[in-house]
PDB file of N, CA and C in Angstrom:
ATOM      1  N   MET A   1       0.780  -1.216   0.023  1.00  0.00           N
ATOM      2  CA  MET A   1      -0.139  -0.031   0.421  1.00  0.00           C
ATOM      3  C   MET A   1       1.040   1.112   0.233  1.00  0.00           C
ATOM      4  N   SER A   2       2.590   1.025   0.644  1.00  0.00           N
ATOM      5  CA  SER A   2       3.014   2.571   0.359  1.00  0.00           C
ATOM      6  C   SER A   2       4.427   1.849   0.065  1.00  0.00           C
ATOM      7  N   LYS A   3       5.186   3.157  -0.223  1.00  0.00           N
ATOM      8  CA  LYS A   3       5.919   2.761  -0.624  1.00  0.00           C
ATOM      9  C   LYS A   3       7.383   3.650   0.538  1.00  0.00           C
ATOM     10  N   MET A   4       8.480   2.804   0.699  1.00  0.00           N
ATOM     11  CA  MET A   4       9.452   3.888   1.855  1.00  0.00           C
ATOM     12  C   MET A   4       9.814   4.750   1.079  1.00  0.00           C
ATOM     13  N   ASP A   5      10.237   5.836   1.251  1.00  0.00           N
ATOM     14  CA  ASP A   5      10.646   6.984   0.771  1.00  0.00           C
ATOM     15  C   ASP A   5      12.337   6.837   1.140  1.00  0.00           C
ATOM     16  N   SER A   6      12.860   7.318   0.423  1.00  0.00           N
ATOM     17  CA  SER A   6      14.928   6.598   0.511  1.00  0.00           C
ATOM     18  C   SER A   6      15.173   7.643   1.545  1.00  0.00           C
ATOM     19  N   ARG A   7      14.682   8.565   2.042  1.00  0.00           N
ATOM     20  CA  ARG A   7      14.985   9.694   2.990  1.00  0.00           C
ATOM     21  C   ARG A   7      14.686   9.588   4.110  1.00  0.00           C
ATOM     22  N   SER A   8      13.527   8.988   4.557  1.00  0.00           N
ATOM     23  CA  SER A   8      12.919   8.411   5.465  1.00  0.00           C
ATOM     24  C   SER A   8      12.864   7.231   5.620  1.00  0.00           C
ATOM     25  N   THR A   9      12.031   6.830   7.066  1.00  0.00           N
ATOM     26  CA  THR A   9      11.502   5.557   7.433  1.00  0.00           C
ATOM     27  C   THR A   9       9.958   5.627   7.330  1.00  0.00           C
ATOM     28  N   GLN A  10       9.453   6.784   7.015  1.00  0.00           N
ATOM     29  CA  GLN A  10       8.153   6.788   7.577  1.00  0.00           C
ATOM     30  C   GLN A  10       7.516   6.163   6.081  1.00  0.00           C
ATOM     31  N   PRO A  11       6.967   5.340   5.448  1.00  0.00           N
ATOM     32  CA  PRO A  11       5.884   5.249   4.239  1.00  0.00           C
ATOM     33  C   PRO A  11       5.473   5.838   3.569  1.00  0.00           C
ATOM     34  N   GLN A  12       6.281   6.513   2.133  1.00  0.00           N
ATOM     35  CA  GLN A  12       5.594   7.404   1.395  1.00  0.00           C
ATOM     36  C   GLN A  12       3.624   6.680   0.714  1.00  0.00           C
ATOM     37  N   ILE A  13       2.867   7.677   0.746  1.00  0.00           N
ATOM     38  CA  ILE A  13       1.552   7.234   0.311  1.00  0.00           C
ATOM     39  C   ILE A  13       1.294   7.726  -1.017  1.00  0.00           C
ATOM     40  N   ASP A  14       1.103   6.819  -2.068  1.00  0.00           N
ATOM     41  CA  ASP A  14       0.956   7.379  -3.438  1.00  0.00           C
ATOM     42  C   ASP A  14      -0.205   6.813  -4.141  1.00  0.00           C
ATOM     43  N   MET A  15      -0.900   7.641  -4.954  1.00  0.00           N
ATOM     44  CA  MET A  15      -2.106   7.175  -5.585  1.00  0.00           C
ATOM     45  C   MET A  15      -1.751   5.656  -6.168  1.00  0.00           C
ATOM     46  N   GLU A  16      -0.717   4.931  -6.607  1.00  0.00           N
ATOM     47  CA  GLU A  16      -1.065   4.152  -7.591  1.00  0.00           C
ATOM     48  C   GLU A  16      -0.992   3.136  -6.868  1.00  0.00           C
ATOM     49  N   SER A  17      -0.196   3.232  -5.759  1.00  0.00           N
ATOM     50  CA  SER A  17      -0.390   1.901  -4.478  1.00  0.00           C
ATOM     51  C   SER A  17      -1.421   1.713  -3.565  1.00  0.00           C
ATOM     52  N   ILE A  18      -2.575   2.633  -3.637  1.00  0.00           N
ATOM     53  CA  ILE A  18      -3.688   2.929  -3.388  1.00  0.00           C
ATOM     54  C   ILE A  18      -4.674   2.452  -4.263  1.00  0.00           C
ATOM     55  N   ASN A  19      -4.268   2.575  -5.332  1.00  0.00           N
ATOM     56  CA  ASN A  19      -5.564   2.304  -6.726  1.00  0.00           C
ATOM     57  C   ASN A  19      -5.149   0.500  -6.551  1.00  0.00           C
ATOM     58  N   ALA A  20      -4.071   0.354  -6.751  1.00  0.00           N
ATOM     59  CA  ALA A  20      -3.685  -1.096  -6.663  1.00  0.00           C
ATOM     60  C   ALA A  20      -4.311  -1.797  -5.823  1.00  0.00           C
ATOM     61  N   ASP A  21      -3.945  -1.227  -4.504  1.00  0.00           N
ATOM     62  CA  ASP A  21      -5.095  -2.388  -2.886  1.00  0.00           C
ATOM     63  C   ASP A  21      -6.497  -2.383  -3.343  1.00  0.00           C
ATOM     64  N   LEU A  22      -7.093  -1.045  -4.192  1.00  0.00           N
ATOM     65  CA  LEU A  22      -8.335  -1.107  -4.160  1.00  0.00           C
ATOM     66  C   LEU A  22      -8.776  -2.311  -4.990  1.00  0.00           C
ATOM     67  N   LEU A  23      -7.794  -2.368  -6.292  1.00  0.00           N
ATOM     68  CA  LEU A  23      -8.188  -3.612  -7.145  1.00  0.00           C
ATOM     69  C   LEU A  23      -8.224  -5.041  -5.790  1.00  0.00           C
ATOM     70  N   LYS A  24      -7.235  -5.029  -5.360  1.00  0.00           N
ATOM     71  CA  LYS A  24      -7.503  -6.090  -4.503  1.00  0.00           C
ATOM     72  C   LYS A  24      -8.355  -6.243  -3.752  1.00  0.00           C
ATOM     73  N   ILE A  25      -8.781  -5.472  -2.990  1.00  0.00           N
ATOM     74  CA  ILE A  25     -10.126  -4.992  -1.981  1.00  0.00           C
ATOM     75  C   ILE A  25     -11.243  -5.730  -3.229  1.00  0.00           C
ATOM     76  N   GLU A  26     -11.391  -5.330  -4.759  1.00  0.00           N
ATOM     77  CA  GLU A  26     -12.486  -5.548  -5.515  1.00  0.00           C
ATOM     78  C   GLU A  26     -12.196  -6.931  -5.409  1.00  0.00           C
ATOM     79  N   SER A  27     -11.002  -7.584  -5.433  1.00  0.00           N
ATOM     80  CA  SER A  27     -10.987  -9.067  -5.617  1.00  0.00           C
ATOM     81  C   SER A  27     -11.750  -9.874  -4.415  1.00  0.00           C
ATOM     82  N   LEU A  28     -11.148  -9.716  -3.463  1.00  0.00           N
ATOM     83  CA  LEU A  28     -11.669  -9.952  -2.020  1.00  0.00           C
ATOM     84  C   LEU A  28     -12.821 -10.193  -1.962  1.00  0.00           C
ATOM     85  N   ILE A  29     -13.612  -8.884  -2.333  1.00  0.00           N
ATOM     86  CA  ILE A  29     -15.022  -8.818  -2.411  1.00  0.00           C
ATOM     87  C   ILE A  29     -15.556  -9.835  -2.894  1.00  0.00           C
ATOM     88  N   SER A  30     -15.025 -10.171  -4.566  1.00  0.00           N
ATOM     89  CA  SER A  30     -15.463 -10.985  -5.414  1.00  0.00           C
ATOM     90  C   SER A  30     -15.876 -12.256  -4.985  1.00  0.00           C
ATOM     91  N   THR A  31     -14.563 -12.811  -3.970  1.00  0.00           N
ATOM     92  CA  THR A  31     -14.630 -13.799  -3.870  1.00  0.00           C
ATOM     93  C   THR A  31     -15.197 -14.238  -2.610  1.00  0.00           C
ATOM     94  N   ALA A  32     -15.553 -13.170  -1.948  1.00  0.00           N
ATOM     95  CA  ALA A  32     -16.888 -13.373  -0.302  1.00  0.00           C
ATOM     96  C   ALA A  32     -17.942 -13.307  -1.521  1.00  0.00           C
ATOM     97  N   ASN A  33     -18.734 -12.679  -2.263  1.00  0.00           N
ATOM     98  CA  ASN A  33     -19.669 -12.813  -2.722  1.00  0.00           C
ATOM     99  C   ASN A  33     -19.696 -14.168  -3.783  1.00  0.00           C
ATOM    100  N   ARG A  34     -18.722 -14.745  -4.020  1.00  0.00           N
ATOM    101  CA  ARG A  34     -18.917 -16.202  -4.271  1.00  0.00           C
ATOM    102  C   ARG A  34     -19.042 -17.114  -3.442  1.00  0.00           C
ATOM    103  N   LEU A  35     -18.003 -17.155  -2.022  1.00  0.00           N
ATOM    104  CA  LEU A  35     -18.593 -17.687  -1.162  1.00  0.00           C
ATOM    105  C   LEU A  35     -19.752 -17.900  -0.594  1.00  0.00           C
ATOM    106  N   VAL A  36     -20.679 -16.851  -0.551  1.00  0.00           N
ATOM    107  CA  VAL A  36     -21.535 -16.251   0.035  1.00  0.00           C
ATOM    108  C   VAL A  36     -22.953 -17.015  -0.754  1.00  0.00           C
ATOM    109  N   ASP A  37     -22.567 -16.973  -1.765  1.00  0.00           N
ATOM    110  CA  ASP A  37     -23.450 -17.489  -3.450  1.00  0.00           C
ATOM    111  C   ASP A  37     -22.839 -19.300  -2.661  1.00  0.00           C
ATOM    112  N   GLU A  38     -22.377 -19.537  -2.376  1.00  0.00           N
ATOM    113  CA  GLU A  38     -22.388 -21.273  -2.474  1.00  0.00           C
ATOM    114  C   GLU A  38     -22.742 -21.621  -1.132  1.00  0.00           C
ATOM    115  N   GLY A  39     -22.805 -20.807  -0.207  1.00  0.00           N
ATOM    116  CA  GLY A  39     -23.426 -21.102   1.248  1.00  0.00           C
ATOM    117  C   GLY A  39     -22.616 -21.153   2.797  1.00  0.00           C
ATOM    118  N   ARG A  40     -21.110 -20.740   1.991  1.00  0.00           N
ATOM    119  CA  ARG A  40     -19.825 -21.062   2.978  1.00  0.00           C
ATOM    120  C   ARG A  40     -20.000 -20.055   3.769  1.00  0.00           C
ATOM    121  N   ILE A  41     -19.464 -20.052   5.067  1.00  0.00           N
ATOM    122  CA  ILE A  41     -18.914 -19.193   5.769  1.00  0.00           C
ATOM    123  C   ILE A  41     -17.589 -17.926   5.090  1.00  0.00           C
ATOM    124  N   VAL A  42     -18.575 -16.860   5.479  1.00  0.00           N
ATOM    125  CA  VAL A  42     -17.104 -15.948   4.583  1.00  0.00           C
ATOM    126  C   VAL A  42     -16.553 -15.093   6.305  1.00  0.00           C
ATOM    127  N   ASP A  43     -15.223 -15.501   6.479  1.00  0.00           N
ATOM    128  CA  ASP A  43     -14.555 -14.365   7.549  1.00  0.00           C
ATOM    129  C   ASP A  43     -13.978 -12.803   6.633  1.00  0.00           C
ATOM    130  N   LEU A  44     -14.845 -11.911   7.144  1.00  0.00           N
ATOM    131  CA  LEU A  44     -14.803 -10.715   6.634  1.00  0.00           C
ATOM    132  C   LEU A  44     -13.877 -10.060   7.357  1.00  0.00           C
ATOM    133  N   ALA A  45     -13.286 -10.373   8.231  1.00  0.00           N
ATOM    134  CA  ALA A  45     -11.958  -9.481   8.873  1.00  0.00           C
ATOM    135  C   ALA A  45     -11.120  -9.005   8.177  1.00  0.00           C
ATOM    136  N   ALA A  46     -10.340  -9.416   7.404  1.00  0.00           N
ATOM    137  CA  ALA A  46      -9.404  -9.321   6.251  1.00  0.00           C
ATOM    138  C   ALA A  46     -10.101  -8.129   5.601  1.00  0.00           C
ATOM    139  N   LEU A  47     -11.037  -8.252   5.037  1.00  0.00           N
ATOM    140  CA  LEU A  47     -11.612  -7.356   3.907  1.00  0.00           C
ATOM    141  C   LEU A  47     -11.817  -6.325   5.072  1.00  0.00           C
ATOM    142  N   GLN A  48     -12.665  -5.823   6.114  1.00  0.00           N
ATOM    143  CA  GLN A  48     -12.745  -5.096   6.547  1.00  0.00           C
ATOM    144  C   GLN A  48     -11.566  -3.988   7.220  1.00  0.00           C
ATOM    145  N   GLU A  49     -10.550  -4.892   7.587  1.00  0.00           N
ATOM    146  CA  GLU A  49      -9.060  -4.331   7.866  1.00  0.00           C
ATOM    147  C   GLU A  49      -8.401  -3.688   6.619  1.00  0.00           C
ATOM    148  N   ARG A  50      -8.241  -4.145   5.732  1.00  0.00           N
ATOM    149  CA  ARG A  50      -7.515  -3.676   4.312  1.00  0.00           C
ATOM    150  C   ARG A  50      -8.268  -2.263   3.734  1.00  0.00           C
ATOM    151  N   THR A  51      -9.883  -2.908   3.795  1.00  0.00           N
ATOM    152  CA  THR A  51     -10.827  -1.443   3.343  1.00  0.00           C
ATOM    153  C   THR A  51     -10.372  -0.428   4.160  1.00  0.00           C
ATOM    154  N   LYS A  52      -9.996  -0.331   5.338  1.00  0.00           N
ATOM    155  CA  LYS A  52      -9.968   0.744   6.676  1.00  0.00           C
ATOM    156  C   LYS A  52      -8.521   1.302   5.960  1.00  0.00           C
ATOM    157  N   GLN A  53      -7.695   0.603   5.917  1.00  0.00           N
ATOM    158  CA  GLN A  53      -6.189   0.668   5.673  1.00  0.00           C
ATOM    159  C   GLN A  53      -6.283   1.924   4.512  1.00  0.00           C
ATOM    160  N   VAL A  54      -6.670   1.196   3.658  1.00  0.00           N
ATOM    161  CA  VAL A  54      -6.664   1.927   2.472  1.00  0.00           C
ATOM    162  C   VAL A  54      -7.305   3.539   2.040  1.00  0.00           C
ATOM    163  N   CYS A  55      -8.918   2.995   2.691  1.00  0.00           N
ATOM    164  CA  CYS A  55      -9.363   4.702   2.873  1.00  0.00           C
ATOM    165  C   CYS A  55      -8.633   5.910   3.864  1.00  0.00           C
ATOM    166  N   ASP A  56      -8.092   5.357   4.805  1.00  0.00           N
ATOM    167  CA  ASP A  56      -7.402   6.175   5.736  1.00  0.00           C
ATOM    168  C   ASP A  56      -5.952   6.409   5.111  1.00  0.00           C
ATOM    169  N   ALA A  57      -5.859   5.899   4.053  1.00  0.00           N
ATOM    170  CA  ALA A  57      -4.686   5.967   3.182  1.00  0.00           C
ATOM    171  C   ALA A  57      -5.086   7.158   2.132  1.00  0.00           C
ATOM    172  N   ALA A  58      -5.825   6.677   1.744  1.00  0.00           N
ATOM    173  CA  ALA A  58      -6.391   7.487   0.418  1.00  0.00           C
ATOM    174  C   ALA A  58      -6.553   9.166   1.619  1.00  0.00           C
ATOM    175  N   VAL A  59      -6.758   9.328   2.733  1.00  0.00           N
ATOM    176  CA  VAL A  59      -7.256  10.643   2.965  1.00  0.00           C
ATOM    177  C   VAL A  59      -6.313  11.719   3.636  1.00  0.00           C
ATOM    178  N   GLN A  60      -5.416  10.839   3.257  1.00  0.00           N
ATOM    179  CA  GLN A  60      -3.673  11.578   3.280  1.00  0.00           C
ATOM    180  C   GLN A  60      -3.408  12.295   2.035  1.00  0.00           C
ATOM    181  N   LEU A  61      -3.759  11.667   1.294  1.00  0.00           N
ATOM    182  CA  LEU A  61      -3.474  11.835  -0.291  1.00  0.00           C
ATOM    183  C   LEU A  61      -4.152  13.617  -0.119  1.00  0.00           C
ATOM    184  N   ALA A  62      -3.183  14.591  -0.630  1.00  0.00           N
ATOM    185  CA  ALA A  62      -3.640  15.932  -1.708  1.00  0.00           C
ATOM    186  C   ALA A  62      -5.344  15.382  -2.521  1.00  0.00           C
ATOM    187  N   PRO A  63      -5.897  16.909  -2.449  1.00  0.00           N
ATOM    188  CA  PRO A  63      -7.284  16.164  -2.674  1.00  0.00           C
ATOM    189  C   PRO A  63      -7.027  15.987  -4.777  1.00  0.00           C
ATOM    190  N   GLN A  64      -6.059  17.233  -5.157  1.00  0.00           N
ATOM    191  CA  GLN A  64      -5.568  16.250  -6.776  1.00  0.00           C
ATOM    192  C   GLN A  64      -5.295  15.515  -6.605  1.00  0.00           C
ATOM    193  N   ASP A  65      -4.789  14.700  -5.546  1.00  0.00           N
ATOM    194  CA  ASP A  65      -4.189  13.176  -5.691  1.00  0.00           C
ATOM    195  C   ASP A  65      -5.256  12.167  -5.700  1.00  0.00           C
ATOM    196  N   ALA A  66      -5.910  12.517  -4.884  1.00  0.00           N
ATOM    197  CA  ALA A  66      -7.326  11.489  -4.502  1.00  0.00           C
ATOM    198  C   ALA A  66      -8.228  11.515  -5.823  1.00  0.00           C
ATOM    199  N   LYS A  67      -8.504  12.366  -6.165  1.00  0.00           N
ATOM    200  CA  LYS A  67      -9.565  12.723  -7.193  1.00  0.00           C
ATOM    201  C   LYS A  67      -9.497  11.174  -8.173  1.00  0.00           C
ATOM    202  N   PRO A  68      -8.376  10.884  -8.613  1.00  0.00           N
ATOM    203  CA  PRO A  68      -8.704  10.108 -10.069  1.00  0.00           C
ATOM    204  C   PRO A  68      -8.880   8.556  -9.123  1.00  0.00           C
ATOM    205  N   LEU A  69      -8.748   8.450  -7.425  1.00  0.00           N
ATOM    206  CA  LEU A  69      -9.174   7.022  -7.329  1.00  0.00           C
ATOM    207  C   LEU A  69     -10.911   6.767  -6.855  1.00  0.00           C
ATOM    208  N   ILE A  70     -11.454   7.889  -7.578  1.00  0.00           N
ATOM    209  CA  ILE A  70     -13.032   8.540  -6.983  1.00  0.00           C
ATOM    210  C   ILE A  70     -13.900   7.155  -7.750  1.00  0.00           C
ATOM    211  N   PRO A  71     -13.243   6.799  -9.148  1.00  0.00           N
ATOM    212  CA  PRO A  71     -14.114   5.747  -9.878  1.00  0.00           C
ATOM    213  C   PRO A  71     -13.904   4.528  -9.187  1.00  0.00           C
ATOM    214  N   ALA A  72     -12.709   3.710  -8.710  1.00  0.00           N
ATOM    215  CA  ALA A  72     -12.083   2.834  -7.772  1.00  0.00           C
ATOM    216  C   ALA A  72     -12.908   2.511  -6.731  1.00  0.00           C
ATOM    217  N   MET A  73     -12.814   3.833  -6.151  1.00  0.00           N
ATOM    218  CA  MET A  73     -13.479   4.251  -4.567  1.00  0.00           C
ATOM    219  C   MET A  73     -14.823   3.740  -4.646  1.00  0.00           C
ATOM    220  N   GLU A  74     -15.940   4.359  -5.711  1.00  0.00           N
ATOM    221  CA  GLU A  74     -17.300   4.260  -5.931  1.00  0.00           C
ATOM    222  C   GLU A  74     -17.655   2.449  -6.388  1.00  0.00           C
ATOM    223  N   LEU A  75     -16.549   1.802  -6.831  1.00  0.00           N
ATOM    224  CA  LEU A  75     -17.090   0.412  -7.533  1.00  0.00           C
ATOM    225  C   LEU A  75     -16.672  -0.158  -5.780  1.00  0.00           C
ATOM    226  N   VAL A  76     -15.613  -0.030  -5.176  1.00  0.00           N
ATOM    227  CA  VAL A  76     -15.540  -0.755  -4.151  1.00  0.00           C
ATOM    228  C   VAL A  76     -16.900  -0.673  -3.325  1.00  0.00           C
ATOM    229  N   LEU A  77     -17.011   0.873  -3.007  1.00  0.00           N
ATOM    230  CA  LEU A  77     -18.548   0.466  -2.325  1.00  0.00           C
ATOM    231  C   LEU A  77     -19.736   0.525  -2.980  1.00  0.00           C
ATOM    232  N   THR A  78     -19.624   0.297  -4.124  1.00  0.00           N
ATOM    233  CA  THR A  78     -20.575  -0.516  -4.937  1.00  0.00           C
ATOM    234  C   THR A  78     -20.696  -2.173  -4.844  1.00  0.00           C
ATOM    235  N   GLN A  79     -19.845  -2.592  -4.787  1.00  0.00           N
ATOM    236  CA  GLN A  79     -19.744  -4.558  -4.213  1.00  0.00           C
ATOM    237  C   GLN A  79     -19.740  -4.113  -3.111  1.00  0.00           C
ATOM    238  N   LEU A  80     -19.433  -3.203  -1.570  1.00  0.00           N
ATOM    239  CA  LEU A  80     -19.580  -3.733  -0.661  1.00  0.00           C
ATOM    240  C   LEU A  80     -21.303  -3.522  -0.469  1.00  0.00           C
ATOM    241  N   ASP A  81     -22.317  -3.260  -1.093  1.00  0.00           N
ATOM    242  CA  ASP A  81     -23.220  -2.805  -0.869  1.00  0.00           C
ATOM    243  C   ASP A  81     -23.702  -3.895  -1.518  1.00  0.00           C
ATOM    244  N   SER A  82     -23.630  -4.248  -2.333  1.00  0.00           N
ATOM    245  CA  SER A  82     -24.021  -6.319  -2.942  1.00  0.00           C
ATOM    246  C   SER A  82     -22.924  -7.276  -2.188  1.00  0.00           C
ATOM    247  N   LEU A  83     -22.520  -7.002  -1.481  1.00  0.00           N
ATOM    248  CA  LEU A  83     -22.255  -8.379  -0.361  1.00  0.00           C
ATOM    249  C   LEU A  83     -22.791  -7.575   0.632  1.00  0.00           C
ATOM    250  N   THR A  84     -23.242  -7.025   0.960  1.00  0.00           N
ATOM    251  CA  THR A  84     -23.905  -6.883   1.926  1.00  0.00           C
ATOM    252  C   THR A  84     -25.541  -7.405   2.033  1.00  0.00           C
ATOM    253  N   GLU A  85     -26.403  -6.906   0.530  1.00  0.00           N
ATOM    254  CA  GLU A  85     -27.447  -7.368  -0.067  1.00  0.00           C
ATOM    255  C   GLU A  85     -27.453  -9.140  -0.174  1.00  0.00           C
ATOM    256  N   ASN A  86     -25.994  -9.763  -0.353  1.00  0.00           N
ATOM    257  CA  ASN A  86     -26.011 -11.182  -0.239  1.00  0.00           C
ATOM    258  C   ASN A  86     -26.067 -11.800   0.939  1.00  0.00           C
ATOM    259  N   LEU A  87     -24.930 -10.686   1.916  1.00  0.00           N
ATOM    260  CA  LEU A  87     -25.296 -11.752   3.014  1.00  0.00           C
ATOM    261  C   LEU A  87     -26.523 -11.581   3.825  1.00  0.00           C
ATOM    262  N   THR A  88     -27.559 -10.096   3.499  1.00  0.00           N
ATOM    263  CA  THR A  88     -28.563 -10.166   4.478  1.00  0.00           C
ATOM    264  C   THR A  88     -29.726 -11.156   3.916  1.00  0.00           C
ATOM    265  N   LYS A  89     -29.344 -11.473   2.009  1.00  0.00           N
ATOM    266  CA  LYS A  89     -30.571 -12.676   1.792  1.00  0.00           C
ATOM    267  C   LYS A  89     -30.239 -13.967   2.390  1.00  0.00           C
ATOM    268  N   ARG A  90     -29.043 -13.969   2.428  1.00  0.00           N
ATOM    269  CA  ARG A  90     -28.512 -15.636   3.177  1.00  0.00           C
ATOM    270  C   ARG A  90     -28.741 -15.647   5.005  1.00  0.00           C
ATOM    271  N   TYR A  91     -28.778 -14.415   5.425  1.00  0.00           N
ATOM    272  CA  TYR A  91     -28.949 -14.514   6.448  1.00  0.00           C
ATOM    273  C   TYR A  91     -29.351 -13.610   7.759  1.00  0.00           C
ATOM    274  N   GLY A  92     -30.098 -12.727   7.303  1.00  0.00           N
ATOM    275  CA  GLY A  92     -31.187 -12.173   7.232  1.00  0.00           C
ATOM    276  C   GLY A  92     -30.273 -10.315   7.607  1.00  0.00           C
ATOM    277  N   ASP A  93     -31.179  -9.708   8.564  1.00  0.00           N
ATOM    278  CA  ASP A  93     -30.799  -8.371   9.162  1.00  0.00           C
ATOM    279  C   ASP A  93     -29.172  -8.513   9.562  1.00  0.00           C
ATOM    280  N   LEU A  94     -28.145  -7.552   9.111  1.00  0.00           N
ATOM    281  CA  LEU A  94     -26.691  -7.523   9.860  1.00  0.00           C
ATOM    282  C   LEU A  94     -26.711  -6.542  10.706  1.00  0.00           C
ATOM    283  N   PRO A  95     -25.573  -6.376  11.602  1.00  0.00           N
ATOM    284  CA  PRO A  95     -25.452  -5.084  12.547  1.00  0.00           C
ATOM    285  C   PRO A  95     -24.932  -4.131  11.513  1.00  0.00           C
ATOM    286  N   SER A  96     -24.734  -3.001  11.273  1.00  0.00           N
ATOM    287  CA  SER A  96     -23.629  -2.404  10.582  1.00  0.00           C
ATOM    288  C   SER A  96     -22.473  -1.915  11.050  1.00  0.00           C
ATOM    289  N   PHE A  97     -21.640  -2.081  10.159  1.00  0.00           N
ATOM    290  CA  PHE A  97     -20.469  -2.306  10.360  1.00  0.00           C
ATOM    291  C   PHE A  97     -19.649  -1.018   9.551  1.00  0.00           C
ATOM    292  N   SER A  98     -20.242   0.023   9.342  1.00  0.00           N
ATOM    293  CA  SER A  98     -19.824   0.658   8.903  1.00  0.00           C
ATOM    294  C   SER A  98     -18.249   1.623   9.004  1.00  0.00           C
ATOM    295  N   SER A  99     -18.807   1.827  10.057  1.00  0.00           N
ATOM    296  CA  SER A  99     -17.798   2.893  10.918  1.00  0.00           C
ATOM    297  C   SER A  99     -16.318   1.966  11.084  1.00  0.00           C
ATOM    298  N   ARG A 100     -16.465   0.641  10.778  1.00  0.00           N
ATOM    299  CA  ARG A 100     -15.458  -0.206  11.141  1.00  0.00           C
ATOM    300  C   ARG A 100     -14.716  -0.425   9.889  1.00  0.00           C
ATOM    301  N   VAL A 101     -15.339  -0.513   8.545  1.00  0.00           N
ATOM    302  CA  VAL A 101     -14.632  -0.162   7.173  1.00  0.00           C
ATOM    303  C   VAL A 101     -14.325   0.336   6.404  1.00  0.00           C
ATOM    304  N   GLY A 102     -14.573   1.952   7.327  1.00  0.00           N
ATOM    305  CA  GLY A 102     -13.821   2.950   6.681  1.00  0.00           C
ATOM    306  C   GLY A 102     -14.679   4.044   5.853  1.00  0.00           C
ATOM    307  N   SER A 103     -16.358   3.975   6.205  1.00  0.00           N
ATOM    308  CA  SER A 103     -17.067   4.625   5.307  1.00  0.00           C
ATOM    309  C   SER A 103     -16.466   6.214   5.667  1.00  0.00           C
ATOM    310  N   ASP A 104     -16.645   6.435   6.627  1.00  0.00           N
ATOM    311  CA  ASP A 104     -16.114   8.158   7.103  1.00  0.00           C
ATOM    312  C   ASP A 104     -15.223   8.375   6.596  1.00  0.00           C
ATOM    313  N   THR A 105     -14.139   7.466   6.613  1.00  0.00           N
ATOM    314  CA  THR A 105     -12.939   7.832   5.922  1.00  0.00           C
ATOM    315  C   THR A 105     -13.482   8.628   4.552  1.00  0.00           C
ATOM    316  N   ALA A 106     -13.992   7.258   3.681  1.00  0.00           N
ATOM    317  CA  ALA A 106     -14.072   7.623   2.299  1.00  0.00           C
ATOM    318  C   ALA A 106     -15.025   8.438   2.218  1.00  0.00           C
ATOM    319  N   ALA A 107     -15.889   8.963   2.546  1.00  0.00           N
ATOM    320  CA  ALA A 107     -16.627  10.073   2.768  1.00  0.00           C
ATOM    321  C   ALA A 107     -15.906  11.695   3.071  1.00  0.00           C
ATOM    322  N   SER A 108     -14.947  11.136   4.130  1.00  0.00           N
ATOM    323  CA  SER A 108     -13.783  12.460   3.715  1.00  0.00           C
ATOM    324  C   SER A 108     -12.919  12.719   2.712  1.00  0.00           C
ATOM    325  N   VAL A 109     -12.574  11.656   1.468  1.00  0.00           N
ATOM    326  CA  VAL A 109     -11.680  11.693   0.927  1.00  0.00           C
ATOM    327  C   VAL A 109     -12.937  12.135  -0.591  1.00  0.00           C
ATOM    328  N   TYR A 110     -14.162  12.136  -0.202  1.00  0.00           N
ATOM    329  CA  TYR A 110     -15.293  12.306  -1.464  1.00  0.00           C
ATOM    330  C   TYR A 110     -15.495  13.790  -1.289  1.00  0.00           C
ATOM    331  N   ALA A 111     -15.569  14.040   0.129  1.00  0.00           N
ATOM    332  CA  ALA A 111     -15.230  15.783   0.192  1.00  0.00           C
ATOM    333  C   ALA A 111     -14.470  16.962  -0.113  1.00  0.00           C
ATOM    334  N   GLN A 112     -13.506  15.765  -0.216  1.00  0.00           N
ATOM    335  CA  GLN A 112     -12.066  16.775  -0.011  1.00  0.00           C
ATOM    336  C   GLN A 112     -11.870  16.774  -1.619  1.00  0.00           C
ATOM    337  N   THR A 113     -12.873  16.254  -2.628  1.00  0.00           N
ATOM    338  CA  THR A 113     -12.173  16.468  -4.274  1.00  0.00           C
ATOM    339  C   THR A 113     -12.895  17.126  -4.828  1.00  0.00           C
ATOM    340  N   GLU A 114     -14.269  17.599  -3.825  1.00  0.00           N
ATOM    341  CA  GLU A 114     -15.125  18.924  -5.221  1.00  0.00           C
ATOM    342  C   GLU A 114     -15.288  18.131  -6.583  1.00  0.00           C
ATOM    343  N   VAL A 115     -16.436  16.773  -6.426  1.00  0.00           N
ATOM    344  CA  VAL A 115     -16.573  16.213  -7.108  1.00  0.00           C
ATOM    345  C   VAL A 115     -17.999  16.658  -8.198  1.00  0.00           C
ATOM    346  N   PRO A 116     -17.875  17.445  -9.483  1.00  0.00           N
ATOM    347  CA  PRO A 116     -19.385  17.570  -9.756  1.00  0.00           C
ATOM    348  C   PRO A 116     -20.229  15.983  -9.848  1.00  0.00           C
ATOM    349  N   PRO A 117     -21.809  16.561  -9.924  1.00  0.00           N
ATOM    350  CA  PRO A 117     -22.589  15.628  -9.853  1.00  0.00           C
ATOM    351  C   PRO A 117     -22.481  15.000 -11.347  1.00  0.00           C
ATOM    352  N   LEU A 118     -23.340  14.069 -11.134  1.00  0.00           N
ATOM    353  CA  LEU A 118     -23.125  13.155 -12.097  1.00  0.00           C
ATOM    354  C   LEU A 118     -24.227  13.521 -13.080  1.00  0.00           C
ATOM    355  N   SER A 119     -23.947  13.967 -13.945  1.00  0.00           N
ATOM    356  CA  SER A 119     -25.351  13.750 -15.431  1.00  0.00           C
ATOM    357  C   SER A 119     -25.506  13.178 -16.010  1.00  0.00           C
ATOM    358  N   GLY A 120     -26.998  12.575 -17.182  1.00  0.00           N
ATOM    359  CA  GLY A 120     -26.976  12.034 -17.665  1.00  0.00           C
ATOM    360  C   GLY A 120     -26.931  10.182 -17.401  1.00  0.00           C
ATOM    361  N   PRO A 121     -27.416   9.429 -18.134  1.00  0.00           N
ATOM    362  CA  PRO A 121     -26.624   7.630 -17.748  1.00  0.00           C
ATOM    363  C   PRO A 121     -25.622   7.874 -17.652  1.00  0.00           C
ATOM    364  N   VAL A 122     -25.353   7.056 -16.488  1.00  0.00           N
ATOM    365  CA  VAL A 122     -23.973   6.331 -16.441  1.00  0.00           C
ATOM    366  C   VAL A 122     -23.760   5.022 -17.184  1.00  0.00           C
TER     367      VAL A 122
END
């Protein structure tokens, strides 16, 4: 998720590594959906932690650097909604874990980027 800056021991956050992590999260969500469809038990702890880490890292980016991440973040949110629906169909109402998976953090990223509203069909 981050690169080490050669001048310090602090990780350097960049848009490319966050985008790569978002792709990995999409894959984790797809796998979780497939497992739920097969009636298998799914441990969401890794997905939850990874999503929180990526959203936290995205907030640290400058708004102009975070803006290109919006489509990937929207896709992750859509996939999480789909996974929630799938889990609800199979297991009934579930408690909300949005504060644990970084939705507040994701909302902060969106607020920083001044995205114009969508117009027309998507």
